[in-house]
């Protein structure tokens, strides 16, 4: 499983991806389109046209792993289809994305002023 550590590098592939691709096809997409190393330990996230399905790939040091998540309701928040390339996410943003929440501008929680 993905260890959501603070030093985790997460890249989100902007635009839409052909969700028929498996982990090998997505790894080739990482190399050719995103110009990154799919075996370097980073997590790469892809979304299809329907927006209710995402795929994540990463190399855990032993082999290539893929996680697929489909939302029962709603859509995953993603950059516009006109945006190309990749953007970097923090591990907290990845956790929010996997929960189906807004990850671009999370609402800051207020710190309590008084105990009790």
N, C-alpha and C. Protein backbone atom coordinates (compact mmCIF):
# COMPACT_ATOMS: atom_id res chain seq x y z
N UNK A 1 0.84 -1.19 0.00
CA UNK A 1 0.00 0.00 0.00
C UNK A 1 0.88 1.23 0.00
N UNK A 2 0.33 2.35 -0.38
CA UNK A 2 1.07 3.60 -0.43
C UNK A 2 1.22 4.14 0.99
N UNK A 3 2.44 4.38 1.40
CA UNK A 3 2.67 5.02 2.70
C UNK A 3 2.60 6.52 2.48
N UNK A 4 1.58 7.16 3.03
CA UNK A 4 1.38 8.60 2.81
C UNK A 4 2.30 9.41 3.72
N UNK A 5 3.59 9.30 3.47
CA UNK A 5 4.59 10.03 4.24
C UNK A 5 4.69 11.46 3.73
N UNK A 6 5.20 12.33 4.56
CA UNK A 6 5.27 13.74 4.16
C UNK A 6 6.26 13.97 3.02
N UNK A 7 7.25 13.11 2.87
CA UNK A 7 8.23 13.26 1.81
C UNK A 7 7.86 12.58 0.51
N UNK A 8 6.65 12.06 0.44
CA UNK A 8 6.18 11.34 -0.75
C UNK A 8 6.04 12.31 -1.92
N UNK A 9 6.59 11.94 -3.07
CA UNK A 9 6.44 12.75 -4.28
C UNK A 9 5.24 12.22 -5.06
N UNK A 10 4.30 13.13 -5.35
CA UNK A 10 3.09 12.75 -6.06
C UNK A 10 2.94 13.67 -7.27
N UNK A 11 2.74 13.08 -8.44
CA UNK A 11 2.56 13.84 -9.66
C UNK A 11 1.20 13.50 -10.25
N UNK A 12 0.46 14.51 -10.60
CA UNK A 12 -0.85 14.35 -11.20
C UNK A 12 -0.72 14.67 -12.68
N UNK A 13 -1.10 13.72 -13.54
CA UNK A 13 -1.04 13.92 -14.99
C UNK A 13 -2.25 14.75 -15.40
N UNK A 14 -2.01 15.95 -15.88
CA UNK A 14 -3.10 16.85 -16.27
C UNK A 14 -3.79 16.34 -17.52
N UNK A 15 -5.02 16.77 -17.70
CA UNK A 15 -5.80 16.34 -18.86
C UNK A 15 -6.38 14.97 -18.64
N UNK A 16 -6.83 14.35 -19.72
CA UNK A 16 -7.45 13.02 -19.62
C UNK A 16 -6.51 11.95 -20.14
N UNK A 17 -6.66 10.76 -19.61
CA UNK A 17 -5.84 9.62 -19.97
C UNK A 17 -6.76 8.48 -20.39
N UNK A 18 -6.30 7.68 -21.33
CA UNK A 18 -7.03 6.49 -21.75
C UNK A 18 -6.99 5.48 -20.61
N UNK A 19 -8.13 5.25 -19.96
CA UNK A 19 -8.17 4.39 -18.78
C UNK A 19 -8.12 2.91 -19.13
N UNK A 20 -8.02 2.57 -20.41
CA UNK A 20 -7.82 1.18 -20.80
C UNK A 20 -6.38 0.75 -20.58
N UNK A 21 -5.49 1.71 -20.38
CA UNK A 21 -4.08 1.40 -20.16
C UNK A 21 -3.89 0.72 -18.81
N UNK A 22 -2.99 -0.24 -18.80
CA UNK A 22 -2.61 -0.91 -17.56
C UNK A 22 -1.38 -0.24 -16.98
N UNK A 23 -0.76 -0.89 -16.00
CA UNK A 23 0.39 -0.26 -15.35
C UNK A 23 1.59 -0.09 -16.29
N UNK A 24 1.77 -1.00 -17.23
CA UNK A 24 2.89 -0.86 -18.17
C UNK A 24 2.66 0.31 -19.11
N UNK A 25 1.44 0.43 -19.63
CA UNK A 25 1.11 1.55 -20.53
C UNK A 25 1.19 2.88 -19.82
N UNK A 26 0.76 2.93 -18.56
CA UNK A 26 0.85 4.18 -17.79
C UNK A 26 2.30 4.51 -17.46
N UNK A 27 3.12 3.49 -17.18
CA UNK A 27 4.55 3.73 -16.93
C UNK A 27 5.23 4.29 -18.18
N UNK A 28 4.86 3.79 -19.34
CA UNK A 28 5.40 4.34 -20.59
C UNK A 28 4.96 5.79 -20.78
N UNK A 29 3.72 6.09 -20.41
CA UNK A 29 3.20 7.46 -20.49
C UNK A 29 3.99 8.39 -19.56
N UNK A 30 4.34 7.90 -18.38
CA UNK A 30 5.15 8.68 -17.44
C UNK A 30 6.50 9.02 -18.06
N UNK A 31 7.14 8.03 -18.68
CA UNK A 31 8.45 8.25 -19.29
C UNK A 31 8.37 9.18 -20.50
N UNK A 32 7.43 8.93 -21.39
CA UNK A 32 7.40 9.65 -22.66
C UNK A 32 6.73 11.01 -22.57
N UNK A 33 5.63 11.13 -21.85
CA UNK A 33 4.87 12.37 -21.81
C UNK A 33 5.24 13.26 -20.64
N UNK A 34 5.38 12.66 -19.46
CA UNK A 34 5.67 13.45 -18.26
C UNK A 34 7.17 13.63 -18.02
N UNK A 35 8.00 12.91 -18.78
CA UNK A 35 9.46 12.99 -18.68
C UNK A 35 9.95 12.73 -17.26
N UNK A 36 9.39 11.70 -16.62
CA UNK A 36 9.80 11.30 -15.28
C UNK A 36 10.13 9.81 -15.28
N UNK A 37 10.78 9.36 -14.21
CA UNK A 37 11.14 7.96 -14.05
C UNK A 37 10.03 7.25 -13.27
N UNK A 38 9.29 6.33 -13.89
CA UNK A 38 8.20 5.66 -13.17
C UNK A 38 8.69 4.69 -12.09
N UNK A 39 10.00 4.41 -12.06
CA UNK A 39 10.56 3.47 -11.10
C UNK A 39 11.32 4.17 -9.98
N UNK A 40 11.14 5.48 -9.85
CA UNK A 40 11.87 6.27 -8.87
C UNK A 40 11.20 6.38 -7.51
N UNK A 41 10.06 5.74 -7.31
CA UNK A 41 9.39 5.78 -6.02
C UNK A 41 8.29 6.82 -5.91
N UNK A 42 8.11 7.65 -6.93
CA UNK A 42 7.04 8.65 -6.90
C UNK A 42 5.71 8.00 -7.29
N UNK A 43 4.62 8.64 -6.91
CA UNK A 43 3.28 8.19 -7.26
C UNK A 43 2.77 9.06 -8.40
N UNK A 44 2.18 8.43 -9.41
CA UNK A 44 1.65 9.14 -10.56
C UNK A 44 0.15 8.86 -10.65
N UNK A 45 -0.65 9.92 -10.74
CA UNK A 45 -2.11 9.79 -10.76
C UNK A 45 -2.64 10.18 -12.14
N UNK A 46 -3.62 9.40 -12.62
CA UNK A 46 -4.23 9.61 -13.92
C UNK A 46 -5.74 9.55 -13.78
N UNK A 47 -6.44 10.35 -14.59
CA UNK A 47 -7.90 10.33 -14.59
C UNK A 47 -8.40 10.25 -16.03
N UNK A 48 -9.49 9.52 -16.22
CA UNK A 48 -10.08 9.38 -17.54
C UNK A 48 -11.09 10.49 -17.83
N UNK A 49 -11.76 10.36 -18.94
CA UNK A 49 -12.71 11.37 -19.40
C UNK A 49 -13.95 11.45 -18.51
N UNK A 50 -14.40 10.33 -17.98
CA UNK A 50 -15.62 10.31 -17.17
C UNK A 50 -15.44 10.90 -15.78
N UNK A 51 -14.25 11.04 -15.30
CA UNK A 51 -13.89 11.73 -14.05
C UNK A 51 -14.28 11.00 -12.78
N UNK A 52 -14.87 9.84 -12.87
CA UNK A 52 -15.21 9.10 -11.67
C UNK A 52 -14.23 7.98 -11.36
N UNK A 53 -13.17 7.87 -12.16
CA UNK A 53 -12.18 6.80 -12.01
C UNK A 53 -10.78 7.39 -12.09
N UNK A 54 -9.92 6.99 -11.15
CA UNK A 54 -8.52 7.37 -11.23
C UNK A 54 -7.66 6.12 -11.08
N UNK A 55 -6.46 6.20 -11.61
CA UNK A 55 -5.46 5.15 -11.46
C UNK A 55 -4.19 5.78 -10.96
N UNK A 56 -3.56 5.13 -9.99
CA UNK A 56 -2.29 5.57 -9.45
C UNK A 56 -1.29 4.46 -9.69
N UNK A 57 -0.08 4.82 -10.11
CA UNK A 57 0.99 3.83 -10.23
C UNK A 57 2.19 4.32 -9.45
N UNK A 58 2.96 3.37 -8.93
CA UNK A 58 4.20 3.67 -8.23
C UNK A 58 5.03 2.40 -8.18
N UNK A 59 6.32 2.57 -7.98
CA UNK A 59 7.23 1.44 -7.83
C UNK A 59 7.63 1.38 -6.37
N UNK A 60 7.39 0.26 -5.71
CA UNK A 60 7.65 0.15 -4.28
C UNK A 60 9.04 -0.39 -3.95
N UNK A 61 9.90 -0.52 -4.95
CA UNK A 61 11.24 -1.05 -4.74
C UNK A 61 11.34 -2.51 -5.14
N UNK A 62 10.20 -3.17 -5.24
CA UNK A 62 10.17 -4.58 -5.63
C UNK A 62 9.50 -4.75 -6.98
N UNK A 63 8.43 -3.98 -7.21
CA UNK A 63 7.70 -4.09 -8.46
C UNK A 63 6.79 -2.89 -8.64
N UNK A 64 6.20 -2.82 -9.82
CA UNK A 64 5.29 -1.74 -10.16
C UNK A 64 3.92 -2.05 -9.57
N UNK A 65 3.30 -1.06 -8.93
CA UNK A 65 1.99 -1.23 -8.29
C UNK A 65 0.99 -0.29 -8.94
N UNK A 66 -0.28 -0.71 -8.93
CA UNK A 66 -1.33 0.15 -9.45
C UNK A 66 -2.54 0.07 -8.54
N UNK A 67 -3.11 1.24 -8.26
CA UNK A 67 -4.34 1.34 -7.49
C UNK A 67 -5.37 1.99 -8.39
N UNK A 68 -6.56 1.40 -8.44
CA UNK A 68 -7.67 1.96 -9.20
C UNK A 68 -8.77 2.29 -8.22
N UNK A 69 -9.32 3.50 -8.32
CA UNK A 69 -10.42 3.89 -7.44
C UNK A 69 -11.52 4.51 -8.27
N UNK A 70 -12.76 4.03 -8.02
CA UNK A 70 -13.94 4.55 -8.70
C UNK A 70 -14.86 5.11 -7.63
N UNK A 71 -15.31 6.34 -7.83
CA UNK A 71 -16.27 6.96 -6.91
C UNK A 71 -17.67 6.47 -7.23
N UNK A 72 -18.44 6.19 -6.21
CA UNK A 72 -19.83 5.79 -6.42
C UNK A 72 -20.67 6.98 -6.85
N UNK A 73 -20.35 8.17 -6.31
CA UNK A 73 -21.04 9.39 -6.69
C UNK A 73 -20.01 10.50 -6.84
N UNK A 74 -20.29 11.43 -7.73
CA UNK A 74 -19.41 12.58 -7.91
C UNK A 74 -18.26 12.30 -8.84
N UNK A 75 -17.35 13.28 -8.89
CA UNK A 75 -16.19 13.20 -9.77
C UNK A 75 -14.95 13.62 -9.01
N UNK A 76 -13.80 13.12 -9.47
CA UNK A 76 -12.53 13.55 -8.91
C UNK A 76 -12.21 14.94 -9.43
N UNK A 77 -11.76 15.82 -8.55
CA UNK A 77 -11.37 17.16 -8.93
C UNK A 77 -10.04 17.07 -9.67
N UNK A 78 -9.97 17.72 -10.83
CA UNK A 78 -8.80 17.60 -11.70
C UNK A 78 -8.56 18.92 -12.41
N UNK A 79 -7.31 19.21 -12.79
CA UNK A 79 -7.07 20.42 -13.61
C UNK A 79 -7.81 20.32 -14.93
N UNK A 80 -8.02 21.45 -15.57
CA UNK A 80 -8.78 21.47 -16.82
C UNK A 80 -8.10 20.61 -17.88
N UNK A 81 -8.92 20.17 -18.83
CA UNK A 81 -8.42 19.31 -19.90
C UNK A 81 -7.45 20.04 -20.81
N UNK A 82 -7.49 21.38 -20.79
CA UNK A 82 -6.57 22.14 -21.64
C UNK A 82 -5.18 22.21 -21.02
N UNK A 83 -5.07 21.95 -19.73
CA UNK A 83 -3.77 21.96 -19.07
C UNK A 83 -3.02 20.70 -19.47
N UNK A 84 -1.74 20.82 -19.77
CA UNK A 84 -0.94 19.66 -20.13
C UNK A 84 0.20 19.52 -19.15
N UNK A 85 0.84 18.36 -19.19
CA UNK A 85 1.97 18.12 -18.33
C UNK A 85 1.57 17.52 -17.00
N UNK A 86 2.27 17.96 -15.95
CA UNK A 86 2.03 17.39 -14.63
C UNK A 86 2.07 18.48 -13.58
N UNK A 87 1.45 18.22 -12.46
CA UNK A 87 1.56 19.10 -11.30
C UNK A 87 1.92 18.24 -10.10
N UNK A 88 2.54 18.86 -9.12
CA UNK A 88 2.97 18.15 -7.93
C UNK A 88 1.95 18.33 -6.82
N UNK A 89 1.67 17.25 -6.11
CA UNK A 89 0.75 17.27 -4.98
C UNK A 89 1.51 16.88 -3.72
N UNK A 90 1.03 17.34 -2.59
CA UNK A 90 1.57 16.90 -1.31
C UNK A 90 0.87 15.61 -0.91
N UNK A 91 1.39 14.93 0.10
CA UNK A 91 0.73 13.69 0.55
C UNK A 91 -0.66 13.99 1.12
N UNK A 92 -0.84 15.15 1.75
CA UNK A 92 -2.15 15.54 2.27
C UNK A 92 -3.13 15.78 1.13
N UNK A 93 -2.66 16.39 0.04
CA UNK A 93 -3.53 16.61 -1.12
C UNK A 93 -3.91 15.29 -1.77
N UNK A 94 -2.97 14.33 -1.82
CA UNK A 94 -3.28 13.01 -2.36
C UNK A 94 -4.34 12.32 -1.51
N UNK A 95 -4.23 12.42 -0.21
CA UNK A 95 -5.22 11.82 0.68
C UNK A 95 -6.60 12.43 0.44
N UNK A 96 -6.65 13.75 0.28
CA UNK A 96 -7.92 14.42 0.00
C UNK A 96 -8.47 13.99 -1.36
N UNK A 97 -7.60 13.87 -2.36
CA UNK A 97 -8.02 13.42 -3.69
C UNK A 97 -8.62 12.03 -3.62
N UNK A 98 -7.96 11.11 -2.91
CA UNK A 98 -8.47 9.74 -2.81
C UNK A 98 -9.78 9.66 -2.04
N UNK A 99 -10.02 10.63 -1.17
CA UNK A 99 -11.29 10.69 -0.44
C UNK A 99 -12.39 11.35 -1.27
N UNK A 100 -12.06 11.82 -2.47
CA UNK A 100 -13.03 12.47 -3.32
C UNK A 100 -13.31 13.91 -2.93
N UNK A 101 -12.40 14.51 -2.16
CA UNK A 101 -12.59 15.87 -1.66
C UNK A 101 -11.84 16.88 -2.54
N UNK A 102 -12.13 18.14 -2.31
CA UNK A 102 -11.42 19.23 -2.99
C UNK A 102 -10.00 19.30 -2.40
N UNK A 103 -9.00 19.12 -3.22
CA UNK A 103 -7.62 19.11 -2.74
C UNK A 103 -6.87 20.39 -3.11
N UNK A 104 -7.42 21.20 -4.02
CA UNK A 104 -6.69 22.39 -4.48
C UNK A 104 -6.69 23.52 -3.48
N UNK A 105 -7.79 23.71 -2.78
CA UNK A 105 -7.89 24.81 -1.80
C UNK A 105 -8.62 24.30 -0.57
N UNK A 106 -7.95 23.44 0.22
CA UNK A 106 -8.63 22.91 1.39
C UNK A 106 -8.93 24.01 2.40
N UNK A 107 -10.02 23.84 3.11
CA UNK A 107 -10.40 24.81 4.13
C UNK A 107 -9.56 24.56 5.37
N UNK A 108 -8.89 25.61 5.82
CA UNK A 108 -8.06 25.47 7.01
C UNK A 108 -8.93 25.32 8.26
N UNK A 109 -8.54 24.42 9.11
CA UNK A 109 -9.30 24.26 10.36
C UNK A 109 -8.82 25.29 11.36
N UNK A 110 -9.78 25.83 12.08
CA UNK A 110 -9.45 26.85 13.07
C UNK A 110 -8.84 26.18 14.29
N UNK A 111 -7.82 26.82 14.80
CA UNK A 111 -7.16 26.34 16.00
C UNK A 111 -7.99 26.78 17.22
N UNK A 112 -8.23 25.90 18.16
CA UNK A 112 -8.99 26.31 19.35
C UNK A 112 -8.24 27.38 20.14
N UNK A 113 -9.01 28.32 20.64
CA UNK A 113 -8.41 29.39 21.42
C UNK A 113 -8.39 29.07 22.91
N UNK A 114 -9.39 28.32 23.37
CA UNK A 114 -9.47 27.97 24.79
C UNK A 114 -9.64 26.46 24.94
N UNK A 115 -9.03 25.92 25.97
CA UNK A 115 -9.23 24.52 26.28
C UNK A 115 -10.45 24.40 27.19
N UNK A 116 -11.35 23.51 26.85
CA UNK A 116 -12.50 23.28 27.73
C UNK A 116 -13.72 23.99 27.39
